[in-house]
């Protein structure tokens, strides 16, 4: 009886983040959200602080095909990313504050030169390489940024 109550309590506590539209990532412990990009749905880890943005997807050997990371900045500005200590080839989607895709670029593992956005952006989304193309996403498309991924913490 006691064991079943404990199991029920654990299940209910585990459902709280889902009810709020946000859940925990199993790989990093970061909160996650789901987001439609092109014709596909992705589970994105939310990097919304300087510390989480600095680490990003470094030192990972793989990432599920339908996963990625959204980097959230306080203000819209030209952005640039590099691949220091990043082992996975990635697409980066730069997104303006209004949800418009500014540019989509590919980044190669360990490349330490900057990959610049083609204009001011407030968000950057990293997916496995070619995932953006397979989803049908392109510059000029509009994305709906989930509420839990709209605010930077710093």
C-alpha atoms as a PDB file:
ATOM      1  CA  UNK A   1       0.000   0.000   0.000  1.00  0.00           C
ATOM      2  CA  UNK A   2       2.770   2.420   1.004  1.00  0.00           C
ATOM      3  CA  UNK A   3       4.742   1.524  -2.137  1.00  0.00           C
ATOM      4  CA  UNK A   4       1.772   2.243  -4.431  1.00  0.00           C
ATOM      5  CA  UNK A   5       1.248   5.652  -2.788  1.00  0.00           C
ATOM      6  CA  UNK A   6       4.909   6.473  -3.279  1.00  0.00           C
ATOM      7  CA  UNK A   7       4.714   5.415  -6.933  1.00  0.00           C
ATOM      8  CA  UNK A   8       1.591   7.537  -7.440  1.00  0.00           C
ATOM      9  CA  UNK A   9       3.266  10.561  -5.802  1.00  0.00           C
ATOM     10  CA  UNK A  10       6.322  10.179  -8.046  1.00  0.00           C
ATOM     11  CA  UNK A  11       4.123   9.959 -11.149  1.00  0.00           C
ATOM     12  CA  UNK A  12       2.168  13.056 -10.157  1.00  0.00           C
ATOM     13  CA  UNK A  13       5.311  15.046  -9.401  1.00  0.00           C
ATOM     14  CA  UNK A  14       6.818  13.955 -12.718  1.00  0.00           C
ATOM     15  CA  UNK A  15       3.744  15.208 -14.561  1.00  0.00           C
ATOM     16  CA  UNK A  16       4.001  18.767 -13.202  1.00  0.00           C
ATOM     17  CA  UNK A  17       6.604  19.973 -15.728  1.00  0.00           C
ATOM     18  CA  UNK A  18       4.541  18.437 -18.542  1.00  0.00           C
ATOM     19  CA  UNK A  19       1.457  20.301 -17.402  1.00  0.00           C
ATOM     20  CA  UNK A  20       3.417  23.546 -17.483  1.00  0.00           C
ATOM     21  CA  UNK A  21       4.499  22.849 -21.085  1.00  0.00           C
ATOM     22  CA  UNK A  22       8.068  22.289 -20.020  1.00  0.00           C
ATOM     23  CA  UNK A  23       9.945  19.121 -19.146  1.00  0.00           C
ATOM     24  CA  UNK A  24      13.446  18.085 -18.142  1.00  0.00           C
ATOM     25  CA  UNK A  25      15.984  16.838 -20.653  1.00  0.00           C
ATOM     26  CA  UNK A  26      17.540  13.492 -19.872  1.00  0.00           C
ATOM     27  CA  UNK A  27      20.950  14.442 -21.290  1.00  0.00           C
ATOM     28  CA  UNK A  28      21.686  17.818 -19.727  1.00  0.00           C
ATOM     29  CA  UNK A  29      19.111  18.485 -17.047  1.00  0.00           C
ATOM     30  CA  UNK A  30      18.034  21.623 -18.923  1.00  0.00           C
ATOM     31  CA  UNK A  31      14.325  22.308 -19.352  1.00  0.00           C
ATOM     32  CA  UNK A  32      12.945  21.317 -22.737  1.00  0.00           C
ATOM     33  CA  UNK A  33      10.089  22.397 -24.954  1.00  0.00           C
ATOM     34  CA  UNK A  34       8.585  21.110 -28.165  1.00  0.00           C
ATOM     35  CA  UNK A  35       8.566  23.300 -31.234  1.00  0.00           C
ATOM     36  CA  UNK A  36       7.482  22.931 -34.836  1.00  0.00           C
ATOM     37  CA  UNK A  37      10.219  23.768 -37.326  1.00  0.00           C
ATOM     38  CA  UNK A  38       9.158  23.400 -40.933  1.00  0.00           C
ATOM     39  CA  UNK A  39       6.980  20.289 -41.101  1.00  0.00           C
ATOM     40  CA  UNK A  40       8.538  18.528 -38.112  1.00  0.00           C
ATOM     41  CA  UNK A  41       8.236  18.658 -34.333  1.00  0.00           C
ATOM     42  CA  UNK A  42      11.460  18.899 -32.294  1.00  0.00           C
ATOM     43  CA  UNK A  43      12.254  18.602 -28.594  1.00  0.00           C
ATOM     44  CA  UNK A  44      14.575  21.502 -27.772  1.00  0.00           C
ATOM     45  CA  UNK A  45      16.683  22.002 -24.666  1.00  0.00           C
ATOM     46  CA  UNK A  46      16.423  25.614 -23.518  1.00  0.00           C
ATOM     47  CA  UNK A  47      19.734  27.471 -23.048  1.00  0.00           C
ATOM     48  CA  UNK A  48      18.597  30.821 -21.661  1.00  0.00           C
ATOM     49  CA  UNK A  49      21.457  31.890 -19.393  1.00  0.00           C
ATOM     50  CA  UNK A  50      25.040  32.842 -20.147  1.00  0.00           C
ATOM     51  CA  UNK A  51      26.281  29.641 -18.525  1.00  0.00           C
ATOM     52  CA  UNK A  52      23.979  27.311 -20.489  1.00  0.00           C
ATOM     53  CA  UNK A  53      24.570  29.176 -23.756  1.00  0.00           C
ATOM     54  CA  UNK A  54      28.351  28.935 -23.264  1.00  0.00           C
ATOM     55  CA  UNK A  55      28.198  25.137 -22.845  1.00  0.00           C
ATOM     56  CA  UNK A  56      25.572  24.475 -25.505  1.00  0.00           C
ATOM     57  CA  UNK A  57      25.990  21.050 -27.110  1.00  0.00           C
ATOM     58  CA  UNK A  58      29.699  20.680 -26.304  1.00  0.00           C
ATOM     59  CA  UNK A  59      31.186  17.257 -25.590  1.00  0.00           C
ATOM     60  CA  UNK A  60      28.206  15.216 -26.753  1.00  0.00           C
ATOM     61  CA  UNK A  61      28.730  12.246 -29.026  1.00  0.00           C
ATOM     62  CA  UNK A  62      25.234  12.246 -30.502  1.00  0.00           C
ATOM     63  CA  UNK A  63      21.772  13.731 -30.287  1.00  0.00           C
ATOM     64  CA  UNK A  64      18.418  12.113 -31.168  1.00  0.00           C
ATOM     65  CA  UNK A  65      17.203  13.034 -34.669  1.00  0.00           C
ATOM     66  CA  UNK A  66      14.208  14.994 -33.355  1.00  0.00           C
ATOM     67  CA  UNK A  67      16.135  16.945 -30.695  1.00  0.00           C
ATOM     68  CA  UNK A  68      18.101  20.184 -30.561  1.00  0.00           C
ATOM     69  CA  UNK A  69      18.782  23.253 -28.458  1.00  0.00           C
ATOM     70  CA  UNK A  70      17.326  26.756 -28.514  1.00  0.00           C
ATOM     71  CA  UNK A  71      19.585  29.591 -27.357  1.00  0.00           C
ATOM     72  CA  UNK A  72      17.633  32.534 -25.969  1.00  0.00           C
ATOM     73  CA  UNK A  73      19.119  36.038 -25.823  1.00  0.00           C
ATOM     74  CA  UNK A  74      17.746  39.143 -24.099  1.00  0.00           C
ATOM     75  CA  UNK A  75      17.890  41.333 -27.185  1.00  0.00           C
ATOM     76  CA  UNK A  76      18.012  41.016 -30.928  1.00  0.00           C
ATOM     77  CA  UNK A  77      21.490  41.510 -32.391  1.00  0.00           C
ATOM     78  CA  UNK A  78      23.846  39.899 -34.921  1.00  0.00           C
ATOM     79  CA  UNK A  79      24.815  36.505 -33.490  1.00  0.00           C
ATOM     80  CA  UNK A  80      27.787  34.245 -34.099  1.00  0.00           C
ATOM     81  CA  UNK A  81      28.448  30.703 -32.926  1.00  0.00           C
ATOM     82  CA  UNK A  82      31.466  28.413 -33.063  1.00  0.00           C
ATOM     83  CA  UNK A  83      31.978  24.691 -32.559  1.00  0.00           C
ATOM     84  CA  UNK A  84      34.702  24.540 -29.910  1.00  0.00           C
ATOM     85  CA  UNK A  85      34.512  21.118 -28.198  1.00  0.00           C
ATOM     86  CA  UNK A  86      31.410  20.230 -30.214  1.00  0.00           C
ATOM     87  CA  UNK A  87      31.577  16.780 -31.773  1.00  0.00           C
ATOM     88  CA  UNK A  88      28.283  16.734 -33.688  1.00  0.00           C
ATOM     89  CA  UNK A  89      27.833  18.395 -37.119  1.00  0.00           C
ATOM     90  CA  UNK A  90      24.984  20.873 -36.728  1.00  0.00           C
ATOM     91  CA  UNK A  91      22.542  23.151 -38.489  1.00  0.00           C
ATOM     92  CA  UNK A  92      22.076  26.532 -36.853  1.00  0.00           C
ATOM     93  CA  UNK A  93      18.864  28.437 -37.438  1.00  0.00           C
ATOM     94  CA  UNK A  94      19.066  32.119 -36.532  1.00  0.00           C
ATOM     95  CA  UNK A  95      15.644  33.529 -35.640  1.00  0.00           C
ATOM     96  CA  UNK A  96      14.560  37.170 -35.213  1.00  0.00           C
ATOM     97  CA  UNK A  97      12.521  38.346 -32.216  1.00  0.00           C
ATOM     98  CA  UNK A  98       9.310  38.124 -34.288  1.00  0.00           C
ATOM     99  CA  UNK A  99       9.998  34.449 -35.155  1.00  0.00           C
ATOM    100  CA  UNK A 100      11.261  35.016 -38.700  1.00  0.00           C
ATOM    101  CA  UNK A 101      14.115  32.726 -39.729  1.00  0.00           C
ATOM    102  CA  UNK A 102      17.018  35.070 -40.546  1.00  0.00           C
ATOM    103  CA  UNK A 103      19.373  32.370 -41.848  1.00  0.00           C
ATOM    104  CA  UNK A 104      20.186  28.676 -41.683  1.00  0.00           C
ATOM    105  CA  UNK A 105      23.799  27.570 -41.771  1.00  0.00           C
ATOM    106  CA  UNK A 106      25.792  24.395 -41.266  1.00  0.00           C
ATOM    107  CA  UNK A 107      28.566  24.044 -38.724  1.00  0.00           C
ATOM    108  CA  UNK A 108      31.299  21.405 -38.651  1.00  0.00           C
ATOM    109  CA  UNK A 109      32.648  19.690 -35.519  1.00  0.00           C
ATOM    110  CA  UNK A 110      35.455  21.490 -33.666  1.00  0.00           C
ATOM    111  CA  UNK A 111      35.513  24.439 -36.120  1.00  0.00           C
ATOM    112  CA  UNK A 112      36.518  27.483 -34.072  1.00  0.00           C
ATOM    113  CA  UNK A 113      35.757  30.176 -36.628  1.00  0.00           C
ATOM    114  CA  UNK A 114      32.490  32.043 -36.171  1.00  0.00           C
ATOM    115  CA  UNK A 115      29.324  31.227 -38.068  1.00  0.00           C
ATOM    116  CA  UNK A 116      27.498  34.557 -38.331  1.00  0.00           C
ATOM    117  CA  UNK A 117      23.780  35.252 -38.638  1.00  0.00           C
ATOM    118  CA  UNK A 118      22.753  37.094 -41.811  1.00  0.00           C
ATOM    119  CA  UNK A 119      21.041  39.754 -39.697  1.00  0.00           C
ATOM    120  CA  UNK A 120      19.924  40.538 -36.154  1.00  0.00           C
ATOM    121  CA  UNK A 121      18.525  37.524 -34.265  1.00  0.00           C
ATOM    122  CA  UNK A 122      17.249  36.867 -30.753  1.00  0.00           C
ATOM    123  CA  UNK A 123      17.251  33.070 -30.913  1.00  0.00           C
ATOM    124  CA  UNK A 124      19.521  30.402 -32.341  1.00  0.00           C
ATOM    125  CA  UNK A 125      18.393  26.803 -32.755  1.00  0.00           C
ATOM    126  CA  UNK A 126      20.899  24.001 -33.212  1.00  0.00           C
ATOM    127  CA  UNK A 127      19.746  20.740 -34.796  1.00  0.00           C
ATOM    128  CA  UNK A 128      21.585  17.761 -36.216  1.00  0.00           C
ATOM    129  CA  UNK A 129      23.076  18.641 -39.599  1.00  0.00           C
ATOM    130  CA  UNK A 130      20.535  18.555 -42.469  1.00  0.00           C
ATOM    131  CA  UNK A 131      17.563  18.378 -40.053  1.00  0.00           C
ATOM    132  CA  UNK A 132      16.412  21.890 -41.014  1.00  0.00           C
ATOM    133  CA  UNK A 133      16.446  20.989 -44.722  1.00  0.00           C
ATOM    134  CA  UNK A 134      14.651  17.676 -44.106  1.00  0.00           C
ATOM    135  CA  UNK A 135      12.001  19.575 -42.122  1.00  0.00           C
ATOM    136  CA  UNK A 136      11.565  22.033 -45.002  1.00  0.00           C
ATOM    137  CA  UNK A 137      12.643  25.108 -43.020  1.00  0.00           C
ATOM    138  CA  UNK A 138      14.087  28.067 -44.920  1.00  0.00           C
ATOM    139  CA  UNK A 139      15.034  31.708 -44.403  1.00  0.00           C
ATOM    140  CA  UNK A 140      11.947  33.913 -44.273  1.00  0.00           C
ATOM    141  CA  UNK A 141       9.730  31.243 -42.682  1.00  0.00           C
ATOM    142  CA  UNK A 142       7.989  32.128 -39.430  1.00  0.00           C
ATOM    143  CA  UNK A 143       8.430  30.021 -36.282  1.00  0.00           C
ATOM    144  CA  UNK A 144       6.306  30.184 -33.147  1.00  0.00           C
ATOM    145  CA  UNK A 145       8.690  30.362 -30.200  1.00  0.00           C
ATOM    146  CA  UNK A 146       7.107  28.553 -27.215  1.00  0.00           C
ATOM    147  CA  UNK A 147       6.390  30.762 -24.180  1.00  0.00           C
ATOM    148  CA  UNK A 148       8.878  28.893 -21.977  1.00  0.00           C
ATOM    149  CA  UNK A 149      11.686  29.634 -24.461  1.00  0.00           C
ATOM    150  CA  UNK A 150      11.092  33.364 -24.933  1.00  0.00           C
ATOM    151  CA  UNK A 151      12.911  34.864 -21.963  1.00  0.00           C
ATOM    152  CA  UNK A 152      16.623  35.001 -21.232  1.00  0.00           C
ATOM    153  CA  UNK A 153      17.575  34.759 -17.551  1.00  0.00           C
ATOM    154  CA  UNK A 154      20.447  37.236 -17.771  1.00  0.00           C
END
